[in-house]
Amino acid sequence: MKKLFISVLVAALSISYEIEAQTIQNKKKITFSAPTNRKRIPQQISSSMSRGCQRNLPKVTLLTPPEFVGTTTSKQTEVFIYFQEKPTNSPIYLTLSKFDESQAIIEKQVEIAQEGVTKIQLPIELEVDQIYQWSITLVCQSHPKRIDENEEVSGLIERVDLPPVLSRKINQASTWEQANLYASQGIWHESLKFTQNTPQFNELLKQVGIKIEKRQI
C-alpha cells in the first residue's frame, strides 16, 4: 500500500510539474524587431481569387512579413506556409528566383497533404545579401494552360550574416533564448523555426500582421 501511495504521489507531482512548466511557457513573451537597416519591400502578391477556378482552390498564406523582406541566416532555410483548408488534388509548385529576375532557379512540385502550417526546405544554398522571390502556386486542373486561373502567392527572402559575437552567443543559448535573440535582430525565419510548436509562433505572426485560424507543423 505504501509503494502504491508513493507511486500515485510521484505521478501527481509529475503532472503538476508539467502543467506548471506549460503555464510558464505560455506566459513567455517574444518581440520581433523589424529590421530598420534593410529594404522595406511590400510582398505577399496574391491573385484576386475572383475567377471561377480560383474560388474552388484552397487559400494559401505565406508566413512571411508582408511589409519587408523575411531574413534568414541559414544557407538552406525553411519557409512556412499555411492552408486554411486541406489542399485539393491540384498540383502545388514551389518557385524561387532572384528578385527582379524572371528566370526561375527552382520550380518543383511539392506534396502537401494537410491543412494548417507546413514547412518546406529550400533545396539550394542562398547567397548572402541576395534577395529572392519565392512563390507557391496551385494549378487549376480544369484549365491547366491558363496561368491566370492559378492561385499564386509570393514573398521575399534574403540571407544575411550575423556579427561573430552574436553568432557565438546564439550557439551557446537555449532554444528559447535563441528565438529571442533572432527576433530581437529581426531575423524572421529562425524566429519562426525556434518557436514552432509553441504559443509564441502565433504571437510572432500577429506582430507582423499575419492572422491564421489554426496551426499544425
N, C-alpha and C. Protein backbone atom coordinates (compact mmCIF):
# COMPACT_ATOMS: atom_id res chain seq x y z
N MET A 1 0.83 -1.21 0.00
CA MET A 1 0.00 0.00 0.00
C MET A 1 0.86 1.26 0.00
N LYS A 2 1.97 1.22 0.77
CA LYS A 2 2.85 2.37 0.86
C LYS A 2 3.48 2.66 -0.50
N LYS A 3 3.91 1.57 -1.20
CA LYS A 3 4.51 1.75 -2.52
C LYS A 3 3.50 2.33 -3.51
N LEU A 4 2.25 1.88 -3.40
CA LEU A 4 1.21 2.39 -4.28
C LEU A 4 0.97 3.87 -4.03
N PHE A 5 0.96 4.26 -2.75
CA PHE A 5 0.76 5.66 -2.39
C PHE A 5 1.88 6.53 -2.95
N ILE A 6 3.13 6.03 -2.83
CA ILE A 6 4.28 6.79 -3.33
C ILE A 6 4.21 6.94 -4.85
N SER A 7 3.80 5.86 -5.53
CA SER A 7 3.69 5.89 -6.99
C SER A 7 2.65 6.92 -7.44
N VAL A 8 1.50 6.92 -6.73
CA VAL A 8 0.44 7.87 -7.05
C VAL A 8 0.90 9.29 -6.80
N LEU A 9 1.63 9.49 -5.69
CA LEU A 9 2.13 10.82 -5.33
C LEU A 9 3.12 11.32 -6.38
N VAL A 10 4.04 10.44 -6.79
CA VAL A 10 5.03 10.81 -7.80
C VAL A 10 4.35 11.19 -9.12
N ALA A 11 3.34 10.40 -9.50
CA ALA A 11 2.61 10.68 -10.74
C ALA A 11 1.90 12.02 -10.66
N ALA A 12 1.28 12.30 -9.50
CA ALA A 12 0.56 13.56 -9.32
C ALA A 12 1.52 14.75 -9.38
N LEU A 13 2.69 14.60 -8.74
CA LEU A 13 3.68 15.67 -8.75
C LEU A 13 4.21 15.90 -10.17
N SER A 14 4.38 14.81 -10.91
CA SER A 14 4.87 14.91 -12.28
C SER A 14 3.89 15.67 -13.16
N ILE A 15 2.60 15.34 -13.02
CA ILE A 15 1.57 16.04 -13.79
C ILE A 15 1.51 17.51 -13.41
N SER A 16 1.62 17.78 -12.11
CA SER A 16 1.60 19.16 -11.63
C SER A 16 2.77 19.96 -12.19
N TYR A 17 3.95 19.31 -12.24
CA TYR A 17 5.14 19.97 -12.77
C TYR A 17 4.97 20.29 -14.25
N GLU A 18 4.41 19.32 -15.00
CA GLU A 18 4.21 19.52 -16.44
C GLU A 18 3.23 20.66 -16.70
N ILE A 19 2.16 20.72 -15.90
CA ILE A 19 1.18 21.79 -16.06
C ILE A 19 1.81 23.14 -15.75
N GLU A 20 2.60 23.18 -14.68
CA GLU A 20 3.26 24.44 -14.30
C GLU A 20 4.26 24.87 -15.36
N ALA A 21 5.02 23.90 -15.89
CA ALA A 21 6.01 24.22 -16.92
C ALA A 21 5.32 24.74 -18.18
N GLN A 22 4.19 24.14 -18.54
CA GLN A 22 3.44 24.58 -19.72
C GLN A 22 2.87 25.97 -19.51
N THR A 23 2.41 26.25 -18.28
CA THR A 23 1.87 27.57 -17.96
C THR A 23 2.94 28.64 -18.09
N ILE A 24 4.15 28.32 -17.60
CA ILE A 24 5.26 29.26 -17.71
C ILE A 24 5.62 29.50 -19.17
N GLN A 25 5.63 28.40 -19.95
CA GLN A 25 5.94 28.51 -21.37
C GLN A 25 4.94 29.39 -22.09
N ASN A 26 3.66 29.23 -21.75
CA ASN A 26 2.61 30.01 -22.40
C ASN A 26 2.72 31.50 -22.09
N LYS A 27 3.28 31.83 -20.92
CA LYS A 27 3.37 33.23 -20.49
C LYS A 27 4.61 33.94 -21.03
N LYS A 28 5.54 33.19 -21.62
CA LYS A 28 6.75 33.81 -22.13
C LYS A 28 6.42 34.76 -23.28
N LYS A 29 7.11 35.88 -23.29
CA LYS A 29 6.86 36.88 -24.32
C LYS A 29 8.02 36.92 -25.30
N ILE A 30 7.70 37.21 -26.54
CA ILE A 30 8.72 37.38 -27.56
C ILE A 30 8.34 38.60 -28.39
N THR A 31 9.34 39.40 -28.75
CA THR A 31 9.08 40.62 -29.52
C THR A 31 9.96 40.62 -30.76
N PHE A 32 9.32 40.72 -31.91
CA PHE A 32 10.07 40.76 -33.16
C PHE A 32 10.36 42.20 -33.52
N SER A 33 11.64 42.51 -33.71
CA SER A 33 12.05 43.87 -34.07
C SER A 33 12.30 43.91 -35.58
N ALA A 34 11.41 44.57 -36.29
CA ALA A 34 11.55 44.65 -37.75
C ALA A 34 12.86 45.34 -38.10
N PRO A 35 13.63 44.80 -39.04
CA PRO A 35 14.91 45.41 -39.41
C PRO A 35 14.70 46.80 -39.99
N THR A 36 15.49 47.75 -39.52
CA THR A 36 15.37 49.14 -39.99
C THR A 36 16.46 49.51 -40.98
N ASN A 37 17.48 48.65 -41.09
CA ASN A 37 18.62 48.98 -41.97
C ASN A 37 18.57 48.21 -43.28
N ARG A 38 17.41 47.61 -43.58
CA ARG A 38 17.29 46.84 -44.82
C ARG A 38 16.11 47.36 -45.64
N LYS A 39 16.05 46.96 -46.88
CA LYS A 39 14.99 47.41 -47.78
C LYS A 39 13.62 46.96 -47.27
N ARG A 40 12.66 47.87 -47.32
CA ARG A 40 11.28 47.53 -46.96
C ARG A 40 10.50 47.39 -48.26
N ILE A 41 10.35 46.16 -48.71
CA ILE A 41 9.69 45.89 -49.98
C ILE A 41 8.39 45.15 -49.71
N PRO A 42 7.24 45.77 -49.97
CA PRO A 42 5.96 45.07 -49.78
C PRO A 42 5.92 43.79 -50.62
N GLN A 43 5.32 42.74 -50.06
CA GLN A 43 5.27 41.48 -50.77
C GLN A 43 3.93 40.80 -50.58
N GLN A 44 3.91 39.47 -50.56
CA GLN A 44 2.67 38.72 -50.48
C GLN A 44 1.74 39.08 -51.63
N ILE A 45 2.27 39.18 -52.83
CA ILE A 45 1.46 39.48 -54.00
C ILE A 45 0.55 38.29 -54.25
N SER A 46 -0.74 38.50 -54.22
CA SER A 46 -1.68 37.38 -54.31
C SER A 46 -2.64 37.57 -55.46
N SER A 47 -3.12 36.45 -56.01
CA SER A 47 -4.14 36.53 -57.04
C SER A 47 -5.44 37.03 -56.43
N SER A 48 -6.32 37.52 -57.26
CA SER A 48 -7.54 38.15 -56.76
C SER A 48 -8.58 37.16 -56.27
N MET A 49 -8.46 35.88 -56.64
CA MET A 49 -9.42 34.85 -56.26
C MET A 49 -10.81 35.15 -56.81
N SER A 50 -10.89 35.97 -57.87
CA SER A 50 -12.21 36.34 -58.39
C SER A 50 -12.64 35.47 -59.56
N ARG A 51 -11.68 34.80 -60.19
CA ARG A 51 -12.03 33.99 -61.34
C ARG A 51 -12.58 32.63 -60.90
N GLY A 52 -13.31 31.98 -61.82
CA GLY A 52 -14.05 30.77 -61.48
C GLY A 52 -13.26 29.69 -60.80
N CYS A 53 -12.16 29.25 -61.40
CA CYS A 53 -11.42 28.12 -60.85
C CYS A 53 -10.80 28.46 -59.50
N GLN A 54 -10.33 29.69 -59.34
CA GLN A 54 -9.67 30.09 -58.10
C GLN A 54 -10.60 29.99 -56.89
N ARG A 55 -11.88 30.21 -57.11
CA ARG A 55 -12.81 30.15 -55.99
C ARG A 55 -12.91 28.73 -55.42
N ASN A 56 -12.51 27.74 -56.20
CA ASN A 56 -12.57 26.36 -55.75
C ASN A 56 -11.24 25.85 -55.19
N LEU A 57 -10.20 26.69 -55.26
CA LEU A 57 -8.89 26.30 -54.74
C LEU A 57 -8.76 26.74 -53.29
N PRO A 58 -8.07 25.95 -52.44
CA PRO A 58 -7.89 26.34 -51.04
C PRO A 58 -6.99 27.58 -50.93
N LYS A 59 -7.29 28.43 -49.98
CA LYS A 59 -6.49 29.63 -49.78
C LYS A 59 -5.16 29.28 -49.14
N VAL A 60 -4.08 29.83 -49.68
CA VAL A 60 -2.74 29.60 -49.12
C VAL A 60 -2.15 30.93 -48.69
N THR A 61 -1.50 30.94 -47.54
CA THR A 61 -0.86 32.14 -46.99
C THR A 61 0.60 31.84 -46.72
N LEU A 62 1.49 32.72 -47.19
CA LEU A 62 2.90 32.58 -46.87
C LEU A 62 3.14 33.22 -45.51
N LEU A 63 3.80 32.51 -44.61
CA LEU A 63 4.06 33.05 -43.27
C LEU A 63 5.38 33.82 -43.31
N THR A 64 5.31 34.97 -43.94
CA THR A 64 6.46 35.84 -44.10
C THR A 64 5.98 37.28 -43.98
N PRO A 65 6.77 38.19 -43.42
CA PRO A 65 6.30 39.57 -43.21
C PRO A 65 5.81 40.22 -44.50
N PRO A 66 4.62 40.81 -44.50
CA PRO A 66 4.08 41.42 -45.72
C PRO A 66 4.67 42.78 -46.07
N GLU A 67 5.37 43.41 -45.12
CA GLU A 67 5.85 44.77 -45.36
C GLU A 67 7.36 44.87 -45.54
N PHE A 68 8.09 43.78 -45.34
CA PHE A 68 9.54 43.81 -45.53
C PHE A 68 10.05 42.41 -45.84
N VAL A 69 11.30 42.34 -46.25
CA VAL A 69 11.89 41.07 -46.65
C VAL A 69 12.14 40.19 -45.44
N GLY A 70 11.71 38.94 -45.51
CA GLY A 70 11.97 37.99 -44.43
C GLY A 70 13.40 37.50 -44.52
N THR A 71 14.17 37.69 -43.45
CA THR A 71 15.58 37.33 -43.48
C THR A 71 15.85 35.99 -42.82
N THR A 72 17.00 35.41 -43.18
CA THR A 72 17.45 34.14 -42.61
C THR A 72 18.97 34.17 -42.52
N THR A 73 19.53 33.37 -41.64
CA THR A 73 20.99 33.23 -41.55
C THR A 73 21.44 31.88 -42.10
N SER A 74 20.50 31.06 -42.52
CA SER A 74 20.81 29.70 -42.96
C SER A 74 21.11 29.65 -44.46
N LYS A 75 22.03 28.76 -44.82
CA LYS A 75 22.32 28.55 -46.24
C LYS A 75 21.11 27.95 -46.94
N GLN A 76 20.54 26.92 -46.32
CA GLN A 76 19.35 26.26 -46.85
C GLN A 76 18.25 26.36 -45.80
N THR A 77 17.45 27.38 -45.91
CA THR A 77 16.47 27.66 -44.88
C THR A 77 15.14 26.97 -45.15
N GLU A 78 14.27 27.03 -44.16
CA GLU A 78 12.91 26.53 -44.30
C GLU A 78 11.96 27.71 -44.44
N VAL A 79 10.95 27.54 -45.27
CA VAL A 79 9.89 28.55 -45.38
C VAL A 79 8.59 27.92 -44.89
N PHE A 80 7.72 28.75 -44.33
CA PHE A 80 6.48 28.26 -43.74
C PHE A 80 5.28 28.77 -44.54
N ILE A 81 4.32 27.88 -44.77
CA ILE A 81 3.09 28.27 -45.45
C ILE A 81 1.89 27.74 -44.67
N TYR A 82 0.72 28.31 -44.95
CA TYR A 82 -0.49 27.94 -44.22
C TYR A 82 -1.64 27.72 -45.18
N PHE A 83 -2.28 26.56 -45.06
CA PHE A 83 -3.51 26.27 -45.80
C PHE A 83 -4.69 26.29 -44.84
N GLN A 84 -5.67 27.13 -45.12
CA GLN A 84 -6.85 27.21 -44.27
C GLN A 84 -7.67 25.92 -44.36
N GLU A 85 -7.66 25.30 -45.53
CA GLU A 85 -8.36 24.04 -45.74
C GLU A 85 -7.38 23.01 -46.29
N LYS A 86 -7.75 21.74 -46.19
CA LYS A 86 -6.90 20.68 -46.72
C LYS A 86 -6.73 20.88 -48.22
N PRO A 87 -5.47 20.87 -48.71
CA PRO A 87 -5.25 21.06 -50.15
C PRO A 87 -5.99 20.03 -50.99
N THR A 88 -6.46 20.47 -52.14
CA THR A 88 -7.15 19.57 -53.06
C THR A 88 -6.13 18.75 -53.83
N ASN A 89 -6.59 18.07 -54.85
CA ASN A 89 -5.68 17.30 -55.70
C ASN A 89 -4.95 18.16 -56.72
N SER A 90 -5.17 19.46 -56.66
CA SER A 90 -4.50 20.35 -57.60
C SER A 90 -2.99 20.33 -57.36
N PRO A 91 -2.18 20.28 -58.41
CA PRO A 91 -0.72 20.31 -58.24
C PRO A 91 -0.28 21.60 -57.54
N ILE A 92 0.71 21.48 -56.66
CA ILE A 92 1.25 22.63 -55.93
C ILE A 92 2.73 22.76 -56.28
N TYR A 93 3.14 23.97 -56.66
CA TYR A 93 4.52 24.19 -57.09
C TYR A 93 5.21 25.25 -56.24
N LEU A 94 6.48 25.00 -55.94
CA LEU A 94 7.36 25.97 -55.29
C LEU A 94 8.29 26.54 -56.35
N THR A 95 8.36 27.87 -56.42
CA THR A 95 9.24 28.54 -57.37
C THR A 95 10.14 29.52 -56.63
N LEU A 96 11.40 29.57 -57.01
CA LEU A 96 12.35 30.51 -56.41
C LEU A 96 13.16 31.17 -57.51
N SER A 97 13.29 32.50 -57.42
CA SER A 97 14.10 33.24 -58.39
C SER A 97 14.75 34.43 -57.69
N LYS A 98 15.80 34.95 -58.28
CA LYS A 98 16.40 36.16 -57.75
C LYS A 98 15.45 37.32 -58.00
N PHE A 99 15.40 38.24 -57.02
CA PHE A 99 14.46 39.36 -57.11
C PHE A 99 14.73 40.18 -58.38
N ASP A 100 13.67 40.53 -59.08
CA ASP A 100 13.73 41.30 -60.32
C ASP A 100 14.31 40.51 -61.50
N GLU A 101 14.44 39.19 -61.35
CA GLU A 101 14.85 38.34 -62.46
C GLU A 101 13.73 37.35 -62.75
N SER A 102 13.41 37.17 -64.01
CA SER A 102 12.28 36.31 -64.37
C SER A 102 12.64 34.83 -64.42
N GLN A 103 13.93 34.53 -64.60
CA GLN A 103 14.36 33.14 -64.72
C GLN A 103 14.30 32.44 -63.36
N ALA A 104 13.55 31.35 -63.29
CA ALA A 104 13.42 30.61 -62.03
C ALA A 104 14.66 29.77 -61.76
N ILE A 105 15.13 29.81 -60.51
CA ILE A 105 16.23 28.95 -60.08
C ILE A 105 15.68 27.58 -59.69
N ILE A 106 14.51 27.60 -59.07
CA ILE A 106 13.82 26.37 -58.65
C ILE A 106 12.38 26.43 -59.14
N GLU A 107 11.91 25.35 -59.65
CA GLU A 107 10.49 25.20 -59.97
C GLU A 107 10.17 23.72 -59.81
N LYS A 108 9.60 23.37 -58.68
CA LYS A 108 9.37 21.96 -58.38
C LYS A 108 8.01 21.76 -57.73
N GLN A 109 7.45 20.60 -57.96
CA GLN A 109 6.17 20.25 -57.34
C GLN A 109 6.41 19.78 -55.92
N VAL A 110 5.56 20.21 -55.00
CA VAL A 110 5.68 19.81 -53.59
C VAL A 110 4.41 19.10 -53.16
N GLU A 111 4.57 18.18 -52.22
CA GLU A 111 3.44 17.42 -51.71
C GLU A 111 3.00 17.99 -50.36
N ILE A 112 1.78 18.43 -50.27
CA ILE A 112 1.22 18.94 -49.01
C ILE A 112 -0.12 18.26 -48.81
N ALA A 113 -0.21 17.45 -47.75
CA ALA A 113 -1.38 16.58 -47.59
C ALA A 113 -2.35 17.02 -46.50
N GLN A 114 -2.06 18.13 -45.81
CA GLN A 114 -2.93 18.51 -44.70
C GLN A 114 -3.08 20.02 -44.61
N GLU A 115 -4.15 20.44 -43.94
CA GLU A 115 -4.35 21.86 -43.71
C GLU A 115 -3.48 22.30 -42.55
N GLY A 116 -3.41 23.61 -42.33
CA GLY A 116 -2.60 24.14 -41.25
C GLY A 116 -1.25 24.61 -41.75
N VAL A 117 -0.27 24.65 -40.84
CA VAL A 117 1.07 25.15 -41.15
C VAL A 117 1.96 24.02 -41.64
N THR A 118 2.67 24.28 -42.71
CA THR A 118 3.63 23.32 -43.26
C THR A 118 4.94 24.06 -43.53
N LYS A 119 6.05 23.39 -43.32
CA LYS A 119 7.34 24.00 -43.64
C LYS A 119 7.99 23.25 -44.80
N ILE A 120 8.66 24.01 -45.66
CA ILE A 120 9.32 23.46 -46.84
C ILE A 120 10.76 23.95 -46.83
N GLN A 121 11.70 23.03 -46.98
CA GLN A 121 13.11 23.44 -47.04
C GLN A 121 13.48 23.79 -48.48
N LEU A 122 14.10 24.95 -48.64
CA LEU A 122 14.56 25.35 -49.97
C LEU A 122 15.76 24.48 -50.35
N PRO A 123 15.74 23.87 -51.54
CA PRO A 123 16.77 22.88 -51.90
C PRO A 123 18.05 23.46 -52.49
N ILE A 124 18.31 24.74 -52.28
CA ILE A 124 19.56 25.32 -52.76
C ILE A 124 20.16 26.19 -51.66
N GLU A 125 21.45 26.50 -51.80
CA GLU A 125 22.11 27.42 -50.87
C GLU A 125 21.88 28.85 -51.33
N LEU A 126 21.40 29.68 -50.43
CA LEU A 126 21.13 31.08 -50.75
C LEU A 126 22.42 31.89 -50.66
N GLU A 127 22.58 32.85 -51.54
CA GLU A 127 23.72 33.76 -51.48
C GLU A 127 23.47 34.83 -50.42
N VAL A 128 24.53 35.25 -49.75
CA VAL A 128 24.41 36.30 -48.73
C VAL A 128 24.07 37.63 -49.39
N ASP A 129 23.14 38.37 -48.78
CA ASP A 129 22.72 39.71 -49.23
C ASP A 129 22.06 39.70 -50.61
N GLN A 130 21.56 38.57 -51.02
CA GLN A 130 20.81 38.47 -52.27
C GLN A 130 19.33 38.26 -51.93
N ILE A 131 18.47 39.13 -52.46
CA ILE A 131 17.03 38.98 -52.23
C ILE A 131 16.45 38.02 -53.27
N TYR A 132 15.64 37.10 -52.79
CA TYR A 132 14.98 36.13 -53.66
C TYR A 132 13.46 36.27 -53.53
N GLN A 133 12.77 35.95 -54.59
CA GLN A 133 11.31 35.85 -54.53
C GLN A 133 10.93 34.38 -54.57
N TRP A 134 10.10 33.97 -53.62
CA TRP A 134 9.62 32.58 -53.63
C TRP A 134 8.10 32.58 -53.73
N SER A 135 7.58 31.61 -54.44
CA SER A 135 6.15 31.56 -54.70
C SER A 135 5.60 30.16 -54.51
N ILE A 136 4.34 30.11 -54.10
CA ILE A 136 3.58 28.87 -54.05
C ILE A 136 2.42 29.02 -55.04
N THR A 137 2.30 28.07 -55.95
CA THR A 137 1.26 28.13 -56.97
C THR A 137 0.40 26.87 -56.93
N LEU A 138 -0.92 27.07 -56.90
CA LEU A 138 -1.87 25.97 -57.04
C LEU A 138 -2.42 26.01 -58.46
N VAL A 139 -2.25 24.93 -59.18
CA VAL A 139 -2.64 24.89 -60.59
C VAL A 139 -4.11 24.51 -60.73
N CYS A 140 -4.81 25.28 -61.53
CA CYS A 140 -6.22 25.00 -61.83
C CYS A 140 -6.28 23.82 -62.79
N GLN A 141 -6.77 22.68 -62.33
CA GLN A 141 -6.76 21.48 -63.16
C GLN A 141 -7.72 21.55 -64.34
N SER A 142 -8.80 22.30 -64.20
CA SER A 142 -9.75 22.37 -65.31
C SER A 142 -9.23 23.22 -66.47
N HIS A 143 -8.27 24.14 -66.15
CA HIS A 143 -7.66 24.96 -67.19
C HIS A 143 -6.15 25.05 -66.92
N PRO A 144 -5.42 23.93 -67.01
CA PRO A 144 -4.00 23.90 -66.62
C PRO A 144 -3.10 24.81 -67.45
N LYS A 145 -3.53 25.17 -68.66
CA LYS A 145 -2.70 26.01 -69.52
C LYS A 145 -3.00 27.50 -69.34
N ARG A 146 -4.02 27.81 -68.56
CA ARG A 146 -4.37 29.22 -68.33
C ARG A 146 -3.77 29.67 -67.00
N ILE A 147 -2.62 30.33 -67.09
CA ILE A 147 -1.90 30.74 -65.89
C ILE A 147 -2.74 31.68 -65.02
N ASP A 148 -3.58 32.51 -65.66
CA ASP A 148 -4.36 33.48 -64.90
C ASP A 148 -5.43 32.81 -64.03
N GLU A 149 -5.67 31.52 -64.22
CA GLU A 149 -6.65 30.81 -63.40
C GLU A 149 -6.01 30.19 -62.15
N ASN A 150 -4.69 30.18 -62.09
CA ASN A 150 -3.99 29.58 -60.95
C ASN A 150 -4.06 30.48 -59.72
N GLU A 151 -3.91 29.88 -58.57
CA GLU A 151 -3.80 30.64 -57.31
C GLU A 151 -2.32 30.72 -56.96
N GLU A 152 -1.79 31.93 -56.82
CA GLU A 152 -0.36 32.10 -56.55
C GLU A 152 -0.13 33.18 -55.50
N VAL A 153 0.77 32.90 -54.57
CA VAL A 153 1.20 33.89 -53.58
C VAL A 153 2.72 33.93 -53.58
N SER A 154 3.27 35.12 -53.39
CA SER A 154 4.72 35.29 -53.46
C SER A 154 5.23 36.06 -52.26
N GLY A 155 6.46 35.79 -51.87
CA GLY A 155 7.11 36.50 -50.78
C GLY A 155 8.58 36.69 -51.10
N LEU A 156 9.28 37.39 -50.23
CA LEU A 156 10.69 37.67 -50.43
C LEU A 156 11.51 37.13 -49.27
N ILE A 157 12.73 36.70 -49.59
CA ILE A 157 13.62 36.17 -48.57
C ILE A 157 15.05 36.60 -48.89
N GLU A 158 15.82 36.84 -47.83
CA GLU A 158 17.22 37.26 -48.00
C GLU A 158 18.07 36.62 -46.92
N ARG A 159 19.19 36.07 -47.33
CA ARG A 159 20.14 35.51 -46.36
C ARG A 159 21.10 36.60 -45.90
N VAL A 160 21.30 36.70 -44.59
CA VAL A 160 22.18 37.71 -44.03
C VAL A 160 23.19 37.05 -43.09
N ASP A 161 24.28 37.73 -42.84
CA ASP A 161 25.29 37.25 -41.89
C ASP A 161 25.09 37.92 -40.54
N LEU A 162 25.34 37.17 -39.48
CA LEU A 162 25.31 37.73 -38.13
C LEU A 162 26.71 38.14 -37.70
N PRO A 163 26.84 39.18 -36.87
CA PRO A 163 28.15 39.51 -36.31
C PRO A 163 28.69 38.31 -35.53
N PRO A 164 30.00 38.05 -35.59
CA PRO A 164 30.58 36.88 -34.92
C PRO A 164 30.24 36.78 -33.44
N VAL A 165 30.22 37.92 -32.74
CA VAL A 165 29.92 37.89 -31.30
C VAL A 165 28.50 37.40 -31.06
N LEU A 166 27.55 37.90 -31.85
CA LEU A 166 26.16 37.48 -31.70
C LEU A 166 25.99 36.01 -32.10
N SER A 167 26.71 35.59 -33.12
CA SER A 167 26.62 34.20 -33.57
C SER A 167 27.09 33.25 -32.47
N ARG A 168 28.16 33.60 -31.79
CA ARG A 168 28.66 32.76 -30.69
C ARG A 168 27.66 32.73 -29.54
N LYS A 169 27.06 33.87 -29.27
CA LYS A 169 26.07 33.95 -28.19
C LYS A 169 24.87 33.06 -28.48
N ILE A 170 24.42 33.06 -29.72
CA ILE A 170 23.28 32.23 -30.11
C ILE A 170 23.62 30.75 -30.00
N ASN A 171 24.83 30.38 -30.41
CA ASN A 171 25.24 28.98 -30.36
C ASN A 171 25.30 28.43 -28.94
N GLN A 172 25.48 29.31 -27.96
CA GLN A 172 25.58 28.89 -26.57
C GLN A 172 24.25 29.01 -25.83
N ALA A 173 23.23 29.48 -26.50
CA ALA A 173 21.94 29.76 -25.84
C ALA A 173 21.00 28.57 -25.93
N SER A 174 19.98 28.60 -25.06
CA SER A 174 18.92 27.59 -25.11
C SER A 174 18.02 27.89 -26.32
N THR A 175 17.13 26.96 -26.62
CA THR A 175 16.24 27.15 -27.76
C THR A 175 15.41 28.42 -27.62
N TRP A 176 14.87 28.64 -26.41
CA TRP A 176 14.05 29.83 -26.18
C TRP A 176 14.88 31.11 -26.28
N GLU A 177 16.10 31.07 -25.75
CA GLU A 177 16.98 32.24 -25.83
C GLU A 177 17.37 32.51 -27.29
N GLN A 178 17.58 31.45 -28.05
CA GLN A 178 17.90 31.62 -29.47
C GLN A 178 16.75 32.32 -30.20
N ALA A 179 15.53 31.88 -29.92
CA ALA A 179 14.36 32.50 -30.54
C ALA A 179 14.30 33.99 -30.24
N ASN A 180 14.54 34.36 -28.98
CA ASN A 180 14.51 35.76 -28.58
C ASN A 180 15.62 36.57 -29.24
N LEU A 181 16.81 35.98 -29.33
CA LEU A 181 17.93 36.69 -29.95
C LEU A 181 17.67 36.93 -31.44
N TYR A 182 17.19 35.92 -32.11
CA TYR A 182 16.88 36.09 -33.54
C TYR A 182 15.77 37.13 -33.73
N ALA A 183 14.73 37.06 -32.90
CA ALA A 183 13.62 38.01 -33.02
C ALA A 183 14.08 39.44 -32.76
N SER A 184 14.97 39.61 -31.78
CA SER A 184 15.46 40.96 -31.45
C SER A 184 16.31 41.55 -32.57
N GLN A 185 16.88 40.67 -33.41
CA GLN A 185 17.70 41.13 -34.53
C GLN A 185 16.93 41.20 -35.84
N GLY A 186 15.63 40.88 -35.78
CA GLY A 186 14.80 40.94 -36.98
C GLY A 186 15.05 39.82 -37.97
N ILE A 187 15.54 38.67 -37.47
CA ILE A 187 15.78 37.51 -38.33
C ILE A 187 14.52 36.65 -38.31
N TRP A 188 13.72 36.73 -39.35
CA TRP A 188 12.38 36.17 -39.34
C TRP A 188 12.33 34.65 -39.34
N HIS A 189 12.99 34.02 -40.28
CA HIS A 189 12.81 32.58 -40.46
C HIS A 189 13.34 31.77 -39.27
N GLU A 190 14.43 32.19 -38.67
CA GLU A 190 14.92 31.49 -37.48
C GLU A 190 14.02 31.76 -36.27
N SER A 191 13.41 32.95 -36.22
CA SER A 191 12.46 33.25 -35.14
C SER A 191 11.30 32.26 -35.18
N LEU A 192 10.78 31.99 -36.38
CA LEU A 192 9.70 31.00 -36.52
C LEU A 192 10.20 29.60 -36.20
N LYS A 193 11.37 29.26 -36.72
CA LYS A 193 11.91 27.91 -36.52
C LYS A 193 12.03 27.55 -35.05
N PHE A 194 12.51 28.48 -34.23
CA PHE A 194 12.76 28.18 -32.82
C PHE A 194 11.54 28.41 -31.93
N THR A 195 10.41 28.81 -32.52
CA THR A 195 9.18 28.91 -31.72
C THR A 195 8.09 27.97 -32.23
N GLN A 196 8.38 27.18 -33.26
CA GLN A 196 7.35 26.26 -33.76
C GLN A 196 6.93 25.32 -32.64
N ASN A 197 5.66 25.00 -32.64
CA ASN A 197 5.04 24.16 -31.60
C ASN A 197 4.94 24.87 -30.25
N THR A 198 5.00 26.21 -30.25
CA THR A 198 4.79 26.99 -29.03
C THR A 198 3.77 28.09 -29.32
N PRO A 199 3.13 28.64 -28.27
CA PRO A 199 2.18 29.75 -28.48
C PRO A 199 2.85 30.99 -29.08
N GLN A 200 4.17 31.12 -28.88
CA GLN A 200 4.87 32.31 -29.36
C GLN A 200 4.95 32.34 -30.89
N PHE A 201 4.76 31.19 -31.54
CA PHE A 201 4.75 31.14 -33.00
C PHE A 201 3.64 32.04 -33.55
N ASN A 202 2.43 31.85 -33.03
CA ASN A 202 1.30 32.68 -33.47
C ASN A 202 1.49 34.13 -33.07
N GLU A 203 2.14 34.35 -31.92
CA GLU A 203 2.38 35.72 -31.46
C GLU A 203 3.28 36.46 -32.45
N LEU A 204 4.31 35.78 -32.96
CA LEU A 204 5.18 36.40 -33.96
C LEU A 204 4.41 36.76 -35.22
N LEU A 205 3.53 35.85 -35.64
CA LEU A 205 2.74 36.12 -36.84
C LEU A 205 1.88 37.37 -36.66
N LYS A 206 1.24 37.48 -35.50
CA LYS A 206 0.38 38.64 -35.23
C LYS A 206 1.17 39.94 -35.24
N GLN A 207 2.41 39.89 -34.75
CA GLN A 207 3.22 41.11 -34.67
C GLN A 207 3.56 41.69 -36.03
N VAL A 208 3.55 40.86 -37.06
CA VAL A 208 3.84 41.38 -38.41
C VAL A 208 2.59 41.43 -39.28
N GLY A 209 1.42 41.20 -38.67
CA GLY A 209 0.16 41.37 -39.38
C GLY A 209 -0.36 40.15 -40.10
N ILE A 210 0.07 38.95 -39.68
CA ILE A 210 -0.42 37.71 -40.30
C ILE A 210 -1.38 37.03 -39.34
N LYS A 211 -2.58 36.71 -39.81
CA LYS A 211 -3.57 36.04 -38.98
C LYS A 211 -3.93 34.69 -39.59
N ILE A 212 -3.86 33.65 -38.77
CA ILE A 212 -4.28 32.32 -39.21
C ILE A 212 -5.21 31.74 -38.16
N GLU A 213 -6.08 30.84 -38.57
CA GLU A 213 -7.09 30.31 -37.66
C GLU A 213 -6.57 29.16 -36.81
N LYS A 214 -5.75 28.33 -37.38
CA LYS A 214 -5.21 27.20 -36.64
C LYS A 214 -3.86 26.85 -37.22
N ARG A 215 -3.10 26.04 -36.49
CA ARG A 215 -1.76 25.74 -36.97
C ARG A 215 -1.42 24.28 -36.70
N GLN A 216 -0.53 23.77 -37.50
CA GLN A 216 -0.07 22.40 -37.36
C GLN A 216 1.24 22.27 -38.10
N ILE A 217 2.25 21.71 -37.45
CA ILE A 217 3.56 21.55 -38.09
C ILE A 217 3.96 20.08 -37.99
